[in-house]
Amino acid sequence: MRSRFSAFSLQLADYLRATWHPSTRPSTLDLDDSTQWLALQIFASEVAKQVGQVQFQAIYRQASQWGYLQENSEFVREGSRWYYLQGQTQQGTLKPGRNEACPCGSGRKFKACCL
């Protein structure tokens, strides 16, 4: 999951398609260059034989708007490689206050970081 998040951050469409299971892989993948993926938090992960699940939240910035994507992802292992199969997503908007921690994960207050 972390490598796929990094690939989204770096807009590596070829890597993302290569790690997507052929049964659910899109024929093309258009990565919107205005979305900045900034932080990833893994809430839970579970492996049972050849199937895995990951529950995570990713923070992004698009123009001046902050948002999050939460997903329960399913992965399948074939041979020695894991492939993304599918996920159930939920999105929302973040509205950080000036004195709250910056959503980019810097550890600084929002007003001193990304405001």
PDB file of N, CA and C in Angstrom:
ATOM      1  N   MET A   1       0.820  -1.191   0.000  1.00  0.00           N
ATOM      2  CA  MET A   1       0.000   0.000   0.000  1.00  0.00           C
ATOM      3  C   MET A   1       0.860   1.250   0.000  1.00  0.00           C
ATOM      4  N   ARG A   2       1.917   1.245   0.792  1.00  0.00           N
ATOM      5  CA  ARG A   2       2.774   2.432   0.854  1.00  0.00           C
ATOM      6  C   ARG A   2       3.439   2.710  -0.493  1.00  0.00           C
ATOM      7  N   SER A   3       3.837   1.665  -1.198  1.00  0.00           N
ATOM      8  CA  SER A   3       4.472   1.884  -2.504  1.00  0.00           C
ATOM      9  C   SER A   3       3.466   2.451  -3.502  1.00  0.00           C
ATOM     10  N   ARG A   4       2.219   2.027  -3.422  1.00  0.00           N
ATOM     11  CA  ARG A   4       1.197   2.564  -4.325  1.00  0.00           C
ATOM     12  C   ARG A   4       0.895   4.023  -3.987  1.00  0.00           C
ATOM     13  N   PHE A   5       0.863   4.371  -2.699  1.00  0.00           N
ATOM     14  CA  PHE A   5       0.664   5.766  -2.306  1.00  0.00           C
ATOM     15  C   PHE A   5       1.804   6.622  -2.869  1.00  0.00           C
ATOM     16  N   SER A   6       3.046   6.141  -2.715  1.00  0.00           N
ATOM     17  CA  SER A   6       4.199   6.869  -3.250  1.00  0.00           C
ATOM     18  C   SER A   6       4.086   7.029  -4.762  1.00  0.00           C
ATOM     19  N   ALA A   7       3.613   5.999  -5.435  1.00  0.00           N
ATOM     20  CA  ALA A   7       3.447   6.068  -6.887  1.00  0.00           C
ATOM     21  C   ALA A   7       2.389   7.097  -7.269  1.00  0.00           C
ATOM     22  N   PHE A   8       1.302   7.182  -6.498  1.00  0.00           N
ATOM     23  CA  PHE A   8       0.313   8.229  -6.759  1.00  0.00           C
ATOM     24  C   PHE A   8       0.942   9.602  -6.532  1.00  0.00           C
ATOM     25  N   SER A   9       1.732   9.754  -5.464  1.00  0.00           N
ATOM     26  CA  SER A   9       2.382  11.032  -5.163  1.00  0.00           C
ATOM     27  C   SER A   9       3.321  11.454  -6.274  1.00  0.00           C
ATOM     28  N   LEU A  10       4.048  10.497  -6.841  1.00  0.00           N
ATOM     29  CA  LEU A  10       5.021  10.780  -7.891  1.00  0.00           C
ATOM     30  C   LEU A  10       4.439  10.644  -9.298  1.00  0.00           C
ATOM     31  N   GLN A  11       3.161  10.323  -9.388  1.00  0.00           N
ATOM     32  CA  GLN A  11       2.432  10.169 -10.649  1.00  0.00           C
ATOM     33  C   GLN A  11       3.080   9.118 -11.545  1.00  0.00           C
ATOM     34  N   LEU A  12       3.337   7.955 -10.972  1.00  0.00           N
ATOM     35  CA  LEU A  12       3.939   6.844 -11.705  1.00  0.00           C
ATOM     36  C   LEU A  12       2.840   5.886 -12.173  1.00  0.00           C
ATOM     37  N   ALA A  13       2.163   6.261 -13.220  1.00  0.00           N
ATOM     38  CA  ALA A  13       1.024   5.491 -13.723  1.00  0.00           C
ATOM     39  C   ALA A  13       1.421   4.075 -14.132  1.00  0.00           C
ATOM     40  N   ASP A  14       2.586   3.897 -14.729  1.00  0.00           N
ATOM     41  CA  ASP A  14       3.019   2.561 -15.157  1.00  0.00           C
ATOM     42  C   ASP A  14       3.182   1.626 -13.963  1.00  0.00           C
ATOM     43  N   TYR A  15       3.754   2.125 -12.871  1.00  0.00           N
ATOM     44  CA  TYR A  15       3.914   1.304 -11.670  1.00  0.00           C
ATOM     45  C   TYR A  15       2.550   0.933 -11.089  1.00  0.00           C
ATOM     46  N   LEU A  16       1.654   1.902 -11.041  1.00  0.00           N
ATOM     47  CA  LEU A  16       0.323   1.635 -10.483  1.00  0.00           C
ATOM     48  C   LEU A  16      -0.407   0.569 -11.301  1.00  0.00           C
ATOM     49  N   ARG A  17      -0.344   0.676 -12.610  1.00  0.00           N
ATOM     50  CA  ARG A  17      -0.997  -0.326 -13.457  1.00  0.00           C
ATOM     51  C   ARG A  17      -0.340  -1.700 -13.291  1.00  0.00           C
ATOM     52  N   ALA A  18       0.981  -1.732 -13.113  1.00  0.00           N
ATOM     53  CA  ALA A  18       1.694  -3.003 -12.954  1.00  0.00           C
ATOM     54  C   ALA A  18       1.362  -3.687 -11.632  1.00  0.00           C
ATOM     55  N   THR A  19       0.969  -2.910 -10.623  1.00  0.00           N
ATOM     56  CA  THR A  19       0.627  -3.488  -9.317  1.00  0.00           C
ATOM     57  C   THR A  19      -0.876  -3.670  -9.140  1.00  0.00           C
ATOM     58  N   TRP A  20      -1.634  -3.432 -10.194  1.00  0.00           N
ATOM     59  CA  TRP A  20      -3.091  -3.604 -10.201  1.00  0.00           C
ATOM     60  C   TRP A  20      -3.387  -4.981 -10.781  1.00  0.00           C
ATOM     61  N   HIS A  21      -4.259  -5.724 -10.163  1.00  0.00           N
ATOM     62  CA  HIS A  21      -4.592  -7.060 -10.664  1.00  0.00           C
ATOM     63  C   HIS A  21      -5.220  -6.948 -12.053  1.00  0.00           C
ATOM     64  N   PRO A  22      -4.818  -7.809 -13.006  1.00  0.00           N
ATOM     65  CA  PRO A  22      -5.340  -7.725 -14.375  1.00  0.00           C
ATOM     66  C   PRO A  22      -6.868  -7.791 -14.467  1.00  0.00           C
ATOM     67  N   SER A  23      -7.524  -8.454 -13.529  1.00  0.00           N
ATOM     68  CA  SER A  23      -8.987  -8.592 -13.594  1.00  0.00           C
ATOM     69  C   SER A  23      -9.715  -7.285 -13.295  1.00  0.00           C
ATOM     70  N   THR A  24      -9.055  -6.325 -12.634  1.00  0.00           N
ATOM     71  CA  THR A  24      -9.704  -5.055 -12.300  1.00  0.00           C
ATOM     72  C   THR A  24      -8.896  -3.845 -12.777  1.00  0.00           C
ATOM     73  N   ARG A  25      -7.788  -4.071 -13.457  1.00  0.00           N
ATOM     74  CA  ARG A  25      -6.896  -2.995 -13.912  1.00  0.00           C
ATOM     75  C   ARG A  25      -7.581  -2.154 -14.983  1.00  0.00           C
ATOM     76  N   PRO A  26      -7.550  -0.826 -14.843  1.00  0.00           N
ATOM     77  CA  PRO A  26      -8.111   0.027 -15.899  1.00  0.00           C
ATOM     78  C   PRO A  26      -7.206   0.003 -17.134  1.00  0.00           C
ATOM     79  N   SER A  27      -7.794   0.198 -18.294  1.00  0.00           N
ATOM     80  CA  SER A  27      -7.006   0.178 -19.524  1.00  0.00           C
ATOM     81  C   SER A  27      -6.093   1.394 -19.620  1.00  0.00           C
ATOM     82  N   THR A  28      -6.524   2.523 -19.057  1.00  0.00           N
ATOM     83  CA  THR A  28      -5.686   3.716 -18.975  1.00  0.00           C
ATOM     84  C   THR A  28      -5.821   4.287 -17.575  1.00  0.00           C
ATOM     85  N   LEU A  29      -4.843   5.052 -17.190  1.00  0.00           N
ATOM     86  CA  LEU A  29      -4.854   5.670 -15.868  1.00  0.00           C
ATOM     87  C   LEU A  29      -4.400   7.109 -16.009  1.00  0.00           C
ATOM     88  N   ASP A  30      -5.322   8.038 -15.833  1.00  0.00           N
ATOM     89  CA  ASP A  30      -5.024   9.457 -15.952  1.00  0.00           C
ATOM     90  C   ASP A  30      -4.843  10.020 -14.548  1.00  0.00           C
ATOM     91  N   LEU A  31      -3.631  10.403 -14.213  1.00  0.00           N
ATOM     92  CA  LEU A  31      -3.346  10.982 -12.908  1.00  0.00           C
ATOM     93  C   LEU A  31      -3.402  12.494 -13.017  1.00  0.00           C
ATOM     94  N   ASP A  32      -4.384  13.069 -12.360  1.00  0.00           N
ATOM     95  CA  ASP A  32      -4.587  14.520 -12.371  1.00  0.00           C
ATOM     96  C   ASP A  32      -3.386  15.195 -11.719  1.00  0.00           C
ATOM     97  N   ASP A  33      -2.655  15.990 -12.490  1.00  0.00           N
ATOM     98  CA  ASP A  33      -1.438  16.589 -11.950  1.00  0.00           C
ATOM     99  C   ASP A  33      -1.692  17.717 -10.963  1.00  0.00           C
ATOM    100  N   SER A  34      -2.950  18.102 -10.724  1.00  0.00           N
ATOM    101  CA  SER A  34      -3.222  19.149  -9.751  1.00  0.00           C
ATOM    102  C   SER A  34      -3.434  18.583  -8.345  1.00  0.00           C
ATOM    103  N   THR A  35      -3.525  17.261  -8.212  1.00  0.00           N
ATOM    104  CA  THR A  35      -3.705  16.643  -6.903  1.00  0.00           C
ATOM    105  C   THR A  35      -2.346  16.319  -6.305  1.00  0.00           C
ATOM    106  N   GLN A  36      -2.093  16.832  -5.096  1.00  0.00           N
ATOM    107  CA  GLN A  36      -0.865  16.546  -4.366  1.00  0.00           C
ATOM    108  C   GLN A  36      -1.219  15.582  -3.231  1.00  0.00           C
ATOM    109  N   TRP A  37      -0.711  14.360  -3.303  1.00  0.00           N
ATOM    110  CA  TRP A  37      -0.918  13.384  -2.233  1.00  0.00           C
ATOM    111  C   TRP A  37       0.165  13.626  -1.198  1.00  0.00           C
ATOM    112  N   LEU A  38      -0.235  13.912   0.048  1.00  0.00           N
ATOM    113  CA  LEU A  38       0.717  14.405   1.032  1.00  0.00           C
ATOM    114  C   LEU A  38       0.972  13.484   2.223  1.00  0.00           C
ATOM    115  N   ALA A  39      -0.012  12.759   2.672  1.00  0.00           N
ATOM    116  CA  ALA A  39       0.178  11.962   3.886  1.00  0.00           C
ATOM    117  C   ALA A  39      -0.652  10.690   3.809  1.00  0.00           C
ATOM    118  N   LEU A  40      -0.119   9.643   4.415  1.00  0.00           N
ATOM    119  CA  LEU A  40      -0.796   8.349   4.443  1.00  0.00           C
ATOM    120  C   LEU A  40      -0.800   7.824   5.865  1.00  0.00           C
ATOM    121  N   GLN A  41      -1.954   7.371   6.310  1.00  0.00           N
ATOM    122  CA  GLN A  41      -2.058   6.733   7.622  1.00  0.00           C
ATOM    123  C   GLN A  41      -2.740   5.382   7.434  1.00  0.00           C
ATOM    124  N   ILE A  42      -2.055   4.321   7.843  1.00  0.00           N
ATOM    125  CA  ILE A  42      -2.610   2.974   7.780  1.00  0.00           C
ATOM    126  C   ILE A  42      -3.303   2.709   9.114  1.00  0.00           C
ATOM    127  N   PHE A  43      -4.582   2.371   9.062  1.00  0.00           N
ATOM    128  CA  PHE A  43      -5.338   2.082  10.278  1.00  0.00           C
ATOM    129  C   PHE A  43      -5.278   0.600  10.647  1.00  0.00           C
ATOM    130  N   ALA A  44      -5.343  -0.265   9.651  1.00  0.00           N
ATOM    131  CA  ALA A  44      -5.345  -1.702   9.919  1.00  0.00           C
ATOM    132  C   ALA A  44      -4.925  -2.447   8.660  1.00  0.00           C
ATOM    133  N   SER A  45      -4.341  -3.621   8.875  1.00  0.00           N
ATOM    134  CA  SER A  45      -4.030  -4.511   7.762  1.00  0.00           C
ATOM    135  C   SER A  45      -4.180  -5.942   8.246  1.00  0.00           C
ATOM    136  N   GLU A  46      -4.518  -6.806   7.307  1.00  0.00           N
ATOM    137  CA  GLU A  46      -4.797  -8.200   7.653  1.00  0.00           C
ATOM    138  C   GLU A  46      -4.452  -9.075   6.456  1.00  0.00           C
ATOM    139  N   VAL A  47      -3.820 -10.209   6.726  1.00  0.00           N
ATOM    140  CA  VAL A  47      -3.465 -11.151   5.663  1.00  0.00           C
ATOM    141  C   VAL A  47      -4.013 -12.518   6.039  1.00  0.00           C
ATOM    142  N   ALA A  48      -4.692 -13.135   5.093  1.00  0.00           N
ATOM    143  CA  ALA A  48      -5.197 -14.501   5.266  1.00  0.00           C
ATOM    144  C   ALA A  48      -4.876 -15.276   3.995  1.00  0.00           C
ATOM    145  N   LYS A  49      -3.844 -16.099   4.065  1.00  0.00           N
ATOM    146  CA  LYS A  49      -3.369 -16.885   2.919  1.00  0.00           C
ATOM    147  C   LYS A  49      -2.969 -15.977   1.777  1.00  0.00           C
ATOM    148  N   GLN A  50      -3.705 -15.978   0.684  1.00  0.00           N
ATOM    149  CA  GLN A  50      -3.335 -15.219  -0.519  1.00  0.00           C
ATOM    150  C   GLN A  50      -4.122 -13.921  -0.675  1.00  0.00           C
ATOM    151  N   VAL A  51      -4.850 -13.517   0.369  1.00  0.00           N
ATOM    152  CA  VAL A  51      -5.688 -12.317   0.309  1.00  0.00           C
ATOM    153  C   VAL A  51      -5.305 -11.382   1.451  1.00  0.00           C
ATOM    154  N   GLY A  52      -5.239 -10.094   1.166  1.00  0.00           N
ATOM    155  CA  GLY A  52      -4.926  -9.108   2.187  1.00  0.00           C
ATOM    156  C   GLY A  52      -5.886  -7.934   2.115  1.00  0.00           C
ATOM    157  N   GLN A  53      -6.037  -7.268   3.245  1.00  0.00           N
ATOM    158  CA  GLN A  53      -6.877  -6.073   3.318  1.00  0.00           C
ATOM    159  C   GLN A  53      -6.110  -4.985   4.039  1.00  0.00           C
ATOM    160  N   VAL A  54      -6.273  -3.753   3.582  1.00  0.00           N
ATOM    161  CA  VAL A  54      -5.638  -2.594   4.196  1.00  0.00           C
ATOM    162  C   VAL A  54      -6.679  -1.500   4.330  1.00  0.00           C
ATOM    163  N   GLN A  55      -6.779  -0.951   5.527  1.00  0.00           N
ATOM    164  CA  GLN A  55      -7.662   0.188   5.758  1.00  0.00           C
ATOM    165  C   GLN A  55      -6.769   1.396   5.986  1.00  0.00           C
ATOM    166  N   PHE A  56      -6.956   2.459   5.201  1.00  0.00           N
ATOM    167  CA  PHE A  56      -6.060   3.620   5.273  1.00  0.00           C
ATOM    168  C   PHE A  56      -6.800   4.913   5.015  1.00  0.00           C
ATOM    169  N   GLN A  57      -6.093   6.006   5.298  1.00  0.00           N
ATOM    170  CA  GLN A  57      -6.559   7.339   4.953  1.00  0.00           C
ATOM    171  C   GLN A  57      -5.397   8.081   4.307  1.00  0.00           C
ATOM    172  N   ALA A  58      -5.660   8.701   3.169  1.00  0.00           N
ATOM    173  CA  ALA A  58      -4.662   9.507   2.470  1.00  0.00           C
ATOM    174  C   ALA A  58      -5.138  10.953   2.433  1.00  0.00           C
ATOM    175  N   ILE A  59      -4.230  11.862   2.725  1.00  0.00           N
ATOM    176  CA  ILE A  59      -4.537  13.293   2.715  1.00  0.00           C
ATOM    177  C   ILE A  59      -4.002  13.889   1.416  1.00  0.00           C
ATOM    178  N   TYR A  60      -4.811  14.739   0.792  1.00  0.00           N
ATOM    179  CA  TYR A  60      -4.373  15.374  -0.446  1.00  0.00           C
ATOM    180  C   TYR A  60      -4.751  16.848  -0.466  1.00  0.00           C
ATOM    181  N   ARG A  61      -4.096  17.548  -1.367  1.00  0.00           N
ATOM    182  CA  ARG A  61      -4.401  18.961  -1.593  1.00  0.00           C
ATOM    183  C   ARG A  61      -4.631  19.136  -3.081  1.00  0.00           C
ATOM    184  N   GLN A  62      -5.718  19.805  -3.405  1.00  0.00           N
ATOM    185  CA  GLN A  62      -6.041  20.090  -4.800  1.00  0.00           C
ATOM    186  C   GLN A  62      -6.366  21.569  -4.884  1.00  0.00           C
ATOM    187  N   ALA A  63      -5.497  22.301  -5.578  1.00  0.00           N
ATOM    188  CA  ALA A  63      -5.556  23.764  -5.600  1.00  0.00           C
ATOM    189  C   ALA A  63      -5.425  24.248  -4.152  1.00  0.00           C
ATOM    190  N   SER A  64      -6.394  24.978  -3.637  1.00  0.00           N
ATOM    191  CA  SER A  64      -6.312  25.449  -2.250  1.00  0.00           C
ATOM    192  C   SER A  64      -7.189  24.623  -1.311  1.00  0.00           C
ATOM    193  N   GLN A  65      -7.755  23.552  -1.802  1.00  0.00           N
ATOM    194  CA  GLN A  65      -8.648  22.701  -1.008  1.00  0.00           C
ATOM    195  C   GLN A  65      -7.906  21.489  -0.450  1.00  0.00           C
ATOM    196  N   TRP A  66      -8.230  21.119   0.775  1.00  0.00           N
ATOM    197  CA  TRP A  66      -7.678  19.926   1.424  1.00  0.00           C
ATOM    198  C   TRP A  66      -8.750  18.859   1.477  1.00  0.00           C
ATOM    199  N   GLY A  67      -8.346  17.616   1.286  1.00  0.00           N
ATOM    200  CA  GLY A  67      -9.313  16.526   1.353  1.00  0.00           C
ATOM    201  C   GLY A  67      -8.671  15.249   1.843  1.00  0.00           C
ATOM    202  N   TYR A  68      -9.516  14.256   2.043  1.00  0.00           N
ATOM    203  CA  TYR A  68      -9.021  12.937   2.450  1.00  0.00           C
ATOM    204  C   TYR A  68      -9.742  11.861   1.666  1.00  0.00           C
ATOM    205  N   LEU A  69      -9.077  10.755   1.519  1.00  0.00           N
ATOM    206  CA  LEU A  69      -9.640   9.565   0.899  1.00  0.00           C
ATOM    207  C   LEU A  69      -9.425   8.427   1.883  1.00  0.00           C
ATOM    208  N   GLN A  70     -10.509   7.812   2.321  1.00  0.00           N
ATOM    209  CA  GLN A  70     -10.411   6.624   3.163  1.00  0.00           C
ATOM    210  C   GLN A  70     -10.818   5.437   2.312  1.00  0.00           C
ATOM    211  N   GLU A  71     -10.084   4.341   2.471  1.00  0.00           N
ATOM    212  CA  GLU A  71     -10.378   3.168   1.656  1.00  0.00           C
ATOM    213  C   GLU A  71     -10.117   1.893   2.429  1.00  0.00           C
ATOM    214  N   ASN A  72     -10.963   0.917   2.182  1.00  0.00           N
ATOM    215  CA  ASN A  72     -10.733  -0.462   2.594  1.00  0.00           C
ATOM    216  C   ASN A  72     -10.338  -1.189   1.318  1.00  0.00           C
ATOM    217  N   SER A  73      -9.052  -1.489   1.194  1.00  0.00           N
ATOM    218  CA  SER A  73      -8.516  -2.075  -0.026  1.00  0.00           C
ATOM    219  C   SER A  73      -8.366  -3.581   0.105  1.00  0.00           C
ATOM    220  N   GLU A  74      -8.536  -4.261  -1.029  1.00  0.00           N
ATOM    221  CA  GLU A  74      -8.309  -5.698  -1.092  1.00  0.00           C
ATOM    222  C   GLU A  74      -7.140  -5.962  -2.028  1.00  0.00           C
ATOM    223  N   PHE A  75      -6.242  -6.837  -1.582  1.00  0.00           N
ATOM    224  CA  PHE A  75      -5.085  -7.243  -2.364  1.00  0.00           C
ATOM    225  C   PHE A  75      -5.088  -8.756  -2.496  1.00  0.00           C
ATOM    226  N   VAL A  76      -4.466  -9.244  -3.544  1.00  0.00           N
ATOM    227  CA  VAL A  76      -4.337 -10.683  -3.749  1.00  0.00           C
ATOM    228  C   VAL A  76      -2.874 -10.981  -4.095  1.00  0.00           C
ATOM    229  N   ARG A  77      -2.374 -12.088  -3.561  1.00  0.00           N
ATOM    230  CA  ARG A  77      -0.994 -12.475  -3.860  1.00  0.00           C
ATOM    231  C   ARG A  77      -0.990 -13.570  -4.911  1.00  0.00           C
ATOM    232  N   GLU A  78      -0.212 -13.338  -5.947  1.00  0.00           N
ATOM    233  CA  GLU A  78      -0.008 -14.341  -6.997  1.00  0.00           C
ATOM    234  C   GLU A  78       1.493 -14.538  -7.118  1.00  0.00           C
ATOM    235  N   GLY A  79       1.945 -15.747  -6.854  1.00  0.00           N
ATOM    236  CA  GLY A  79       3.382 -16.002  -6.805  1.00  0.00           C
ATOM    237  C   GLY A  79       3.953 -15.275  -5.604  1.00  0.00           C
ATOM    238  N   SER A  80       4.931 -14.434  -5.839  1.00  0.00           N
ATOM    239  CA  SER A  80       5.547 -13.681  -4.746  1.00  0.00           C
ATOM    240  C   SER A  80       5.135 -12.209  -4.744  1.00  0.00           C
ATOM    241  N   ARG A  81       4.167 -11.834  -5.593  1.00  0.00           N
ATOM    242  CA  ARG A  81       3.768 -10.426  -5.725  1.00  0.00           C
ATOM    243  C   ARG A  81       2.348 -10.185  -5.257  1.00  0.00           C
ATOM    244  N   TRP A  82       2.155  -9.026  -4.640  1.00  0.00           N
ATOM    245  CA  TRP A  82       0.826  -8.586  -4.236  1.00  0.00           C
ATOM    246  C   TRP A  82       0.271  -7.650  -5.293  1.00  0.00           C
ATOM    247  N   TYR A  83      -1.026  -7.779  -5.575  1.00  0.00           N
ATOM    248  CA  TYR A  83      -1.714  -6.929  -6.546  1.00  0.00           C
ATOM    249  C   TYR A  83      -2.939  -6.304  -5.907  1.00  0.00           C
ATOM    250  N   TYR A  84      -3.152  -5.021  -6.207  1.00  0.00           N
ATOM    251  CA  TYR A  84      -4.355  -4.324  -5.767  1.00  0.00           C
ATOM    252  C   TYR A  84      -5.538  -4.886  -6.542  1.00  0.00           C
ATOM    253  N   LEU A  85      -6.593  -5.256  -5.833  1.00  0.00           N
ATOM    254  CA  LEU A  85      -7.766  -5.836  -6.471  1.00  0.00           C
ATOM    255  C   LEU A  85      -8.892  -4.811  -6.580  1.00  0.00           C
ATOM    256  N   GLN A  86      -9.324  -4.298  -5.434  1.00  0.00           N
ATOM    257  CA  GLN A  86     -10.416  -3.325  -5.418  1.00  0.00           C
ATOM    258  C   GLN A  86     -10.480  -2.667  -4.052  1.00  0.00           C
ATOM    259  N   GLY A  87     -11.309  -1.630  -3.944  1.00  0.00           N
ATOM    260  CA  GLY A  87     -11.454  -0.947  -2.663  1.00  0.00           C
ATOM    261  C   GLY A  87     -12.784  -0.235  -2.559  1.00  0.00           C
ATOM    262  N   GLN A  88     -13.207  -0.048  -1.321  1.00  0.00           N
ATOM    263  CA  GLN A  88     -14.405   0.736  -1.031  1.00  0.00           C
ATOM    264  C   GLN A  88     -13.925   2.069  -0.471  1.00  0.00           C
ATOM    265  N   THR A  89     -14.255   3.153  -1.160  1.00  0.00           N
ATOM    266  CA  THR A  89     -13.712   4.458  -0.800  1.00  0.00           C
ATOM    267  C   THR A  89     -14.767   5.389  -0.224  1.00  0.00           C
ATOM    268  N   GLN A  90     -14.243   6.344   0.515  1.00  0.00           N
ATOM    269  CA  GLN A  90     -15.055   7.426   1.063  1.00  0.00           C
ATOM    270  C   GLN A  90     -14.168   8.663   1.024  1.00  0.00           C
ATOM    271  N   GLN A  91     -14.702   9.781   0.540  1.00  0.00           N
ATOM    272  CA  GLN A  91     -13.919  11.011   0.448  1.00  0.00           C
ATOM    273  C   GLN A  91     -14.577  12.108   1.259  1.00  0.00           C
ATOM    274  N   GLY A  92     -13.772  13.079   1.644  1.00  0.00           N
ATOM    275  CA  GLY A  92     -14.299  14.216   2.381  1.00  0.00           C
ATOM    276  C   GLY A  92     -13.368  15.401   2.277  1.00  0.00           C
ATOM    277  N   THR A  93     -13.830  16.519   2.785  1.00  0.00           N
ATOM    278  CA  THR A  93     -13.076  17.758   2.775  1.00  0.00           C
ATOM    279  C   THR A  93     -12.501  18.006   4.166  1.00  0.00           C
ATOM    280  N   LEU A  94     -11.254  18.452   4.209  1.00  0.00           N
ATOM    281  CA  LEU A  94     -10.634  18.850   5.468  1.00  0.00           C
ATOM    282  C   LEU A  94     -10.640  20.366   5.540  1.00  0.00           C
ATOM    283  N   LYS A  95     -10.943  20.903   6.707  1.00  0.00           N
ATOM    284  CA  LYS A  95     -10.911  22.343   6.922  1.00  0.00           C
ATOM    285  C   LYS A  95     -10.086  22.612   8.179  1.00  0.00           C
ATOM    286  N   PRO A  96      -8.758  22.551   8.036  1.00  0.00           N
ATOM    287  CA  PRO A  96      -7.913  22.738   9.211  1.00  0.00           C
ATOM    288  C   PRO A  96      -7.969  24.164   9.739  1.00  0.00           C
ATOM    289  N   GLY A  97      -7.986  24.302  11.060  1.00  0.00           N
ATOM    290  CA  GLY A  97      -7.923  25.616  11.692  1.00  0.00           C
ATOM    291  C   GLY A  97      -6.493  26.122  11.697  1.00  0.00           C
ATOM    292  N   ARG A  98      -6.324  27.414  11.858  1.00  0.00           N
ATOM    293  CA  ARG A  98      -4.987  28.019  11.805  1.00  0.00           C
ATOM    294  C   ARG A  98      -4.025  27.421  12.825  1.00  0.00           C
ATOM    295  N   ASN A  99      -4.516  27.084  14.007  1.00  0.00           N
ATOM    296  CA  ASN A  99      -3.654  26.585  15.073  1.00  0.00           C
ATOM    297  C   ASN A  99      -3.620  25.062  15.177  1.00  0.00           C
ATOM    298  N   GLU A 100      -4.286  24.376  14.260  1.00  0.00           N
ATOM    299  CA  GLU A 100      -4.248  22.914  14.237  1.00  0.00           C
ATOM    300  C   GLU A 100      -2.987  22.435  13.525  1.00  0.00           C
ATOM    301  N   ALA A 101      -2.666  21.168  13.744  1.00  0.00           N
ATOM    302  CA  ALA A 101      -1.525  20.570  13.037  1.00  0.00           C
ATOM    303  C   ALA A 101      -1.813  20.593  11.533  1.00  0.00           C
ATOM    304  N   CYS A 102      -0.794  20.875  10.757  1.00  0.00           N
ATOM    305  CA  CYS A 102      -0.947  20.937   9.304  1.00  0.00           C
ATOM    306  C   CYS A 102      -1.246  19.540   8.765  1.00  0.00           C
ATOM    307  N   PRO A 103      -2.225  19.405   7.889  1.00  0.00           N
ATOM    308  CA  PRO A 103      -2.569  18.088   7.351  1.00  0.00           C
ATOM    309  C   PRO A 103      -1.488  17.475   6.466  1.00  0.00           C
ATOM    310  N   CYS A 104      -0.468  18.241   6.098  1.00  0.00           N
ATOM    311  CA  CYS A 104       0.591  17.690   5.246  1.00  0.00           C
ATOM    312  C   CYS A 104       1.504  16.754   6.022  1.00  0.00           C
ATOM    313  N   GLY A 105       1.375  16.733   7.345  1.00  0.00           N
ATOM    314  CA  GLY A 105       2.173  15.823   8.160  1.00  0.00           C
ATOM    315  C   GLY A 105       3.504  16.390   8.617  1.00  0.00           C
ATOM    316  N   SER A 106       3.727  17.676   8.457  1.00  0.00           N
ATOM    317  CA  SER A 106       5.005  18.291   8.831  1.00  0.00           C
ATOM    318  C   SER A 106       5.207  18.374  10.339  1.00  0.00           C
ATOM    319  N   GLY A 107       4.110  18.336  11.098  1.00  0.00           N
ATOM    320  CA  GLY A 107       4.199  18.499  12.549  1.00  0.00           C
ATOM    321  C   GLY A 107       4.102  19.958  12.978  1.00  0.00           C
ATOM    322  N   ARG A 108       4.055  20.861  12.034  1.00  0.00           N
ATOM    323  CA  ARG A 108       3.931  22.289  12.323  1.00  0.00           C
ATOM    324  C   ARG A 108       2.463  22.701  12.343  1.00  0.00           C
ATOM    325  N   LYS A 109       2.188  23.878  12.914  1.00  0.00           N
ATOM    326  CA  LYS A 109       0.831  24.405  12.873  1.00  0.00           C
ATOM    327  C   LYS A 109       0.499  24.807  11.436  1.00  0.00           C
ATOM    328  N   PHE A 110      -0.785  24.685  11.095  1.00  0.00           N
ATOM    329  CA  PHE A 110      -1.238  24.985   9.744  1.00  0.00           C
ATOM    330  C   PHE A 110      -0.873  26.403   9.341  1.00  0.00           C
ATOM    331  N   LYS A 111      -1.026  27.385  10.246  1.00  0.00           N
ATOM    332  CA  LYS A 111      -0.753  28.777   9.907  1.00  0.00           C
ATOM    333  C   LYS A 111       0.727  29.033   9.585  1.00  0.00           C
ATOM    334  N   ALA A 112       1.614  28.180  10.099  1.00  0.00           N
ATOM    335  CA  ALA A 112       3.049  28.361   9.853  1.00  0.00           C
ATOM    336  C   ALA A 112       3.579  27.436   8.763  1.00  0.00           C
ATOM    337  N   CYS A 113       2.674  26.697   8.134  1.00  0.00           N
ATOM    338  CA  CYS A 113       3.141  25.701   7.161  1.00  0.00           C
ATOM    339  C   CYS A 113       2.494  25.914   5.794  1.00  0.00           C
ATOM    340  N   CYS A 114       1.323  25.425   5.604  1.00  0.00           N
ATOM    341  CA  CYS A 114       0.692  25.380   4.283  1.00  0.00           C
ATOM    342  C   CYS A 114      -0.477  26.340   4.094  1.00  0.00           C
ATOM    343  N   LEU A 115      -0.684  27.267   5.017  1.00  0.00           N
ATOM    344  CA  LEU A 115      -1.817  28.199   4.914  1.00  0.00           C
ATOM    345  C   LEU A 115      -1.629  29.122   3.735  1.00  0.00           C
TER     346      LEU A 115
END
